[in-house]
Amino acid sequence: MTRRTKKKILDVVVYIFLSCVSLVSLIPLIYVVLTSLKTYDQVYDVNEIIPTTVTLANYITVVGKANFMMYFKNSVIVAVCTTLVCMILSVAAGYGMTRYRLLGAKKLKTGILYTRMFPAILLALPYYVIMRNLHLGDSLPGLMLIYCSFTIPFTIWNMQTFFMQIPWELEDAARIDGCTRTQALFRVIMPLARPGIIATALFSFMTCWDEYMFANLFISSDSKKTISLGIRSFVGEYSTDWGCMMAATVIAMLPVIIFFLYAQKNLVSGLSAGAVKG
């Protein structure tokens, strides 16, 4: 058997393995979608794994529920605003850490990374005291502030790592051509850093969109609840409306899926695509 043949066999084995892993990872998602299309009786019928009668009643019920769409809007506001703040600060901090010689920069980077090592539940009491003193308890701005506090450290670390991979010579060439440092940042560095910025923004958005613990601890008013708390509202004291819960889960996944499909085009692009002419 030649080396080329062995390589082809190995590629086929790897492809089959990755396909199986992907299929297994999709099983929970497929189950959620199928359950959302079942009637109430089919949900509790073990023989109805694939619904024989498909219905959109659960989606109609969820969308027609005014509170759920309000929860959806609150989550969009919190996730988008938090992502914007995190990206503005992390891009500025990441660029500054890689392009300027700062006193104690290594210790600062390590300190930023240490903030990610604390279990989230340990921060609940300090967050409560801070929110009470700032009069931001039970409010969306307060929730955004909490999300920024544990999302920004990772986004800064991720962005400064990505900026380090961009050659300084590209920025120097732009400066020689007459660009200021700010113009070089926005015209040269930012386009090259686009894949990293979008990937970091995707992480920030998903972190805020899926978060449940702090939203449950600090939000009590029904008008300010997020979508993760809205999904929990389908769990009653004596019963759970699984069909509506799964339909609400599918609706909650749509923004993340759309964001990922858009970001996927940029994640696969090369770091220095377009940096060299000719």
Protein backbone atom coordinates (compact mmCIF):
# COMPACT_ATOMS: atom_id res chain seq x y z
CA MET A 1 0.00 0.00 0.00
CA THR A 2 1.49 3.34 -1.06
CA ARG A 3 1.74 6.38 1.16
CA ARG A 4 -0.78 8.21 -1.00
CA THR A 5 -3.32 5.42 -0.56
CA LYS A 6 -2.79 5.41 3.19
CA LYS A 7 -3.37 9.15 3.28
CA LYS A 8 -6.64 8.80 1.37
CA ILE A 9 -7.85 6.06 3.74
CA LEU A 10 -6.92 8.21 6.74
CA ASP A 11 -8.80 11.17 5.26
CA VAL A 12 -11.90 9.01 4.76
CA VAL A 13 -11.72 7.70 8.34
CA VAL A 14 -11.33 11.22 9.73
CA TYR A 15 -14.23 12.43 7.59
CA ILE A 16 -16.49 9.61 8.81
CA PHE A 17 -15.48 10.25 12.42
CA LEU A 18 -16.17 13.98 12.19
CA SER A 19 -19.48 13.31 10.47
CA CYS A 20 -20.54 10.98 13.31
CA VAL A 21 -19.50 13.52 15.93
CA SER A 22 -21.45 16.25 14.12
CA LEU A 23 -24.51 14.01 13.88
CA VAL A 24 -24.37 13.18 17.59
CA SER A 25 -24.05 16.86 18.48
CA LEU A 26 -27.14 17.63 16.39
CA ILE A 27 -29.35 15.05 18.14
CA PRO A 28 -30.44 17.41 20.99
CA LEU A 29 -31.25 20.16 18.49
CA ILE A 30 -33.24 17.77 16.31
CA TYR A 31 -35.15 16.51 19.35
CA VAL A 32 -36.00 20.09 20.40
CA VAL A 33 -37.30 20.95 16.91
CA LEU A 34 -39.35 17.72 16.65
CA THR A 35 -40.88 18.22 20.11
CA SER A 36 -41.85 21.78 19.25
CA LEU A 37 -43.89 20.42 16.32
CA LYS A 38 -45.82 17.88 18.39
CA THR A 39 -49.27 18.12 19.89
CA TYR A 40 -49.74 17.89 23.64
CA ASP A 41 -50.58 14.17 23.51
CA GLN A 42 -47.67 13.34 21.19
CA VAL A 43 -45.15 14.94 23.56
CA TYR A 44 -45.92 12.31 26.21
CA ASP A 45 -46.18 9.41 23.76
CA VAL A 46 -42.86 7.51 23.76
CA ASN A 47 -43.72 6.00 20.39
CA GLU A 48 -44.04 9.43 18.78
CA ILE A 49 -40.36 10.33 18.53
CA ILE A 50 -41.03 11.69 15.05
CA PRO A 51 -44.45 13.39 15.06
CA THR A 52 -47.00 11.83 12.72
CA THR A 53 -49.04 15.04 12.87
CA VAL A 54 -47.04 18.24 12.57
CA THR A 55 -48.54 21.34 14.20
CA LEU A 56 -47.42 24.94 14.61
CA ALA A 57 -49.77 25.52 17.51
CA ASN A 58 -46.90 25.75 20.00
CA TYR A 59 -45.20 28.50 17.99
CA ILE A 60 -48.47 30.38 17.61
CA THR A 61 -49.02 30.14 21.36
CA VAL A 62 -45.51 31.36 22.16
CA VAL A 63 -45.51 34.24 19.66
CA GLY A 64 -49.03 35.21 20.68
CA LYS A 65 -47.90 35.44 24.27
CA ALA A 66 -47.15 39.15 24.68
CA ASN A 67 -44.74 38.64 27.55
CA PHE A 68 -42.49 36.30 25.59
CA MET A 69 -41.91 38.80 22.78
CA MET A 70 -41.13 41.40 25.44
CA TYR A 71 -38.57 39.00 26.93
CA PHE A 72 -37.11 38.54 23.44
CA LYS A 73 -36.81 42.31 22.97
CA ASN A 74 -35.13 42.71 26.38
CA SER A 75 -32.57 40.05 25.51
CA VAL A 76 -31.82 41.71 22.17
CA ILE A 77 -31.28 45.08 23.90
CA VAL A 78 -29.05 43.62 26.61
CA ALA A 79 -27.00 41.37 24.30
CA VAL A 80 -26.48 43.96 21.54
CA CYS A 81 -25.60 46.82 23.90
CA THR A 82 -23.25 44.66 25.96
CA THR A 83 -21.54 43.34 22.83
CA LEU A 84 -21.03 46.86 21.47
CA VAL A 85 -19.51 48.10 24.73
CA CYS A 86 -17.29 45.02 25.06
CA MET A 87 -16.01 45.26 21.49
CA ILE A 88 -15.26 48.99 21.64
CA LEU A 89 -13.30 48.60 24.88
CA SER A 90 -11.61 45.33 23.93
CA VAL A 91 -10.48 46.56 20.50
CA ALA A 92 -9.02 49.72 22.05
CA ALA A 93 -7.38 47.81 24.91
CA GLY A 94 -6.11 45.00 22.71
CA TYR A 95 -4.58 47.42 20.21
CA GLY A 96 -2.98 49.48 22.98
CA MET A 97 -1.46 46.44 24.67
CA THR A 98 0.17 45.23 21.47
CA ARG A 99 1.25 48.55 19.91
CA TYR A 100 2.44 50.48 22.97
CA ARG A 101 5.04 49.59 25.57
CA LEU A 102 3.13 49.90 28.81
CA LEU A 103 4.67 49.66 32.26
CA GLY A 104 3.52 46.40 33.85
CA ALA A 105 1.74 45.24 30.68
CA LYS A 106 2.41 41.55 31.37
CA LYS A 107 1.03 41.80 34.90
CA LEU A 108 -1.99 43.65 33.56
CA LYS A 109 -2.65 40.88 31.02
CA THR A 110 -2.30 38.23 33.71
CA GLY A 111 -4.60 40.16 36.03
CA ILE A 112 -7.23 40.38 33.29
CA LEU A 113 -7.01 36.61 32.76
CA TYR A 114 -7.31 35.96 36.53
CA THR A 115 -10.74 37.58 36.55
CA ARG A 116 -12.02 34.65 34.47
CA MET A 117 -10.92 32.11 37.08
CA PHE A 118 -13.53 32.99 39.71
CA PRO A 119 -16.69 30.85 39.80
CA ALA A 120 -19.58 33.07 38.77
CA ILE A 121 -21.64 32.29 41.87
CA LEU A 122 -18.94 33.83 44.10
CA LEU A 123 -19.55 37.19 42.42
CA ALA A 124 -23.28 37.25 43.17
CA LEU A 125 -22.96 38.97 46.58
CA PRO A 126 -20.43 41.63 45.43
CA TYR A 127 -22.61 42.30 42.39
CA TYR A 128 -25.65 42.71 44.64
CA VAL A 129 -23.89 45.24 46.87
CA ILE A 130 -22.63 47.21 43.84
CA MET A 131 -26.02 47.21 42.12
CA ARG A 132 -27.72 48.34 45.34
CA ASN A 133 -25.26 51.20 45.87
CA LEU A 134 -25.60 52.30 42.25
CA HIS A 135 -29.41 51.93 42.38
CA LEU A 136 -29.30 49.66 39.34
CA GLY A 137 -31.01 46.64 40.85
CA ASP A 138 -33.80 45.10 38.80
CA SER A 139 -32.85 47.06 35.67
CA LEU A 140 -31.52 46.26 32.21
CA PRO A 141 -28.58 48.73 32.50
CA GLY A 142 -27.55 46.99 35.71
CA LEU A 143 -27.69 43.61 33.97
CA MET A 144 -25.59 45.00 31.11
CA LEU A 145 -23.00 46.24 33.60
CA ILE A 146 -22.78 42.79 35.17
CA TYR A 147 -22.42 41.10 31.80
CA CYS A 148 -19.70 43.56 30.74
CA SER A 149 -17.73 42.89 33.90
CA PHE A 150 -17.18 39.19 33.17
CA THR A 151 -17.22 39.37 29.35
CA ILE A 152 -14.73 42.20 28.78
CA PRO A 153 -11.73 40.34 30.32
CA PHE A 154 -12.03 37.53 27.78
CA THR A 155 -12.70 39.84 24.83
CA ILE A 156 -9.66 41.97 25.72
CA TRP A 157 -7.44 38.91 26.02
CA ASN A 158 -8.74 37.49 22.76
CA MET A 159 -8.34 40.74 20.81
CA GLN A 160 -4.84 41.50 22.05
CA THR A 161 -3.78 37.96 21.09
CA PHE A 162 -5.22 38.49 17.62
CA PHE A 163 -3.62 41.92 17.17
CA MET A 164 -0.24 40.39 18.02
CA GLN A 165 -0.47 38.24 14.89
CA ILE A 166 -0.81 41.26 12.58
CA PRO A 167 2.62 42.37 11.31
CA TRP A 168 3.70 45.78 12.54
CA GLU A 169 5.22 46.44 9.10
CA LEU A 170 1.75 46.91 7.60
CA GLU A 171 0.98 49.72 10.02
CA ASP A 172 4.43 51.26 9.53
CA ALA A 173 3.92 51.21 5.76
CA ALA A 174 0.59 53.03 6.20
CA ARG A 175 2.27 55.63 8.42
CA ILE A 176 4.97 56.18 5.79
CA ASP A 177 2.24 56.69 3.16
CA GLY A 178 0.86 59.55 5.24
CA CYS A 179 -1.73 57.92 7.51
CA THR A 180 -2.00 58.95 11.12
CA ARG A 181 -2.02 56.23 13.75
CA THR A 182 -5.80 56.45 13.96
CA GLN A 183 -6.18 56.22 10.18
CA ALA A 184 -3.78 53.27 10.07
CA LEU A 185 -5.86 51.54 12.72
CA PHE A 186 -9.18 51.92 10.91
CA ARG A 187 -7.93 51.54 7.32
CA VAL A 188 -5.32 48.81 7.70
CA ILE A 189 -5.44 47.04 11.06
CA MET A 190 -9.21 46.82 11.54
CA PRO A 191 -9.92 45.19 8.13
CA LEU A 192 -7.23 42.58 8.83
CA ALA A 193 -8.58 42.02 12.33
CA ARG A 194 -12.15 41.59 11.09
CA PRO A 195 -12.29 37.78 11.54
CA GLY A 196 -11.05 38.10 15.12
CA ILE A 197 -13.44 40.97 15.89
CA ILE A 198 -16.44 39.06 14.57
CA ALA A 199 -15.46 35.85 16.41
CA THR A 200 -15.02 37.78 19.66
CA ALA A 201 -18.31 39.61 19.14
CA LEU A 202 -20.03 36.26 18.56
CA PHE A 203 -18.69 34.94 21.87
CA SER A 204 -19.79 38.10 23.69
CA PHE A 205 -23.27 37.96 22.16
CA MET A 206 -23.76 34.28 22.98
CA THR A 207 -22.55 34.77 26.56
CA CYS A 208 -25.12 37.52 27.16
CA TRP A 209 -27.92 35.85 25.21
CA ASP A 210 -27.70 32.50 27.02
CA GLU A 211 -26.97 33.80 30.54
CA TYR A 212 -29.52 32.72 33.14
CA MET A 213 -28.09 32.83 36.66
CA PHE A 214 -27.50 36.56 37.07
CA ALA A 215 -30.68 37.44 35.18
CA ASN A 216 -32.62 35.23 37.59
CA LEU A 217 -30.89 36.74 40.63
CA PHE A 218 -31.12 40.43 39.75
CA ILE A 219 -34.26 40.76 37.62
CA SER A 220 -37.59 40.45 39.40
CA SER A 221 -39.95 42.66 37.37
CA ASP A 222 -41.80 40.76 34.67
CA SER A 223 -41.35 43.62 32.18
CA LYS A 224 -37.53 43.40 32.44
CA LYS A 225 -36.99 39.66 32.21
CA THR A 226 -34.83 38.21 29.46
CA ILE A 227 -35.64 35.32 27.13
CA SER A 228 -33.86 32.74 29.29
CA LEU A 229 -36.23 33.61 32.13
CA GLY A 230 -39.13 33.63 29.69
CA ILE A 231 -38.43 30.04 28.68
CA ARG A 232 -38.49 29.06 32.34
CA SER A 233 -41.99 30.55 32.65
CA PHE A 234 -43.36 27.49 30.83
CA VAL A 235 -42.37 25.37 33.83
CA GLY A 236 -45.33 25.29 36.20
CA GLU A 237 -45.62 24.10 39.76
CA TYR A 238 -47.29 20.83 38.81
CA SER A 239 -46.69 20.50 35.07
CA THR A 240 -44.47 21.68 32.24
CA ASP A 241 -45.65 22.74 28.81
CA TRP A 242 -42.88 20.97 26.89
CA GLY A 243 -44.23 21.78 23.44
CA CYS A 244 -44.29 25.53 24.06
CA MET A 245 -40.98 25.41 25.89
CA MET A 246 -39.29 23.72 22.94
CA ALA A 247 -40.90 26.17 20.51
CA ALA A 248 -39.63 29.06 22.64
CA THR A 249 -36.18 27.44 22.67
CA VAL A 250 -36.12 27.23 18.87
CA ILE A 251 -37.12 30.90 18.60
CA ALA A 252 -34.40 31.81 21.13
CA MET A 253 -31.78 29.99 19.04
CA LEU A 254 -32.58 31.86 15.82
CA PRO A 255 -30.56 35.07 16.53
CA VAL A 256 -27.47 33.06 17.47
CA ILE A 257 -27.79 30.86 14.38
CA ILE A 258 -28.24 33.90 12.11
CA PHE A 259 -25.28 35.65 13.75
CA PHE A 260 -23.13 32.55 13.31
CA LEU A 261 -24.11 32.09 9.66
CA TYR A 262 -23.09 35.68 8.99
CA ALA A 263 -19.87 35.39 11.00
CA GLN A 264 -18.92 32.09 9.39
CA LYS A 265 -18.05 33.86 6.13
CA ASN A 266 -15.51 36.00 7.96
CA LEU A 267 -14.14 33.34 10.30
CA VAL A 268 -12.79 31.29 7.41
CA SER A 269 -11.10 34.22 5.72
CA GLY A 270 -7.35 34.56 6.02
CA LEU A 271 -5.74 36.91 8.49
CA SER A 272 -3.77 38.82 5.86
CA ALA A 273 -6.21 38.53 2.95
CA GLY A 274 -5.69 41.54 0.73
CA ALA A 275 -2.64 42.80 2.62
CA VAL A 276 -0.31 42.28 -0.37
CA LYS A 277 -1.13 43.76 -3.76
CA GLY A 278 -0.48 42.14 -7.10
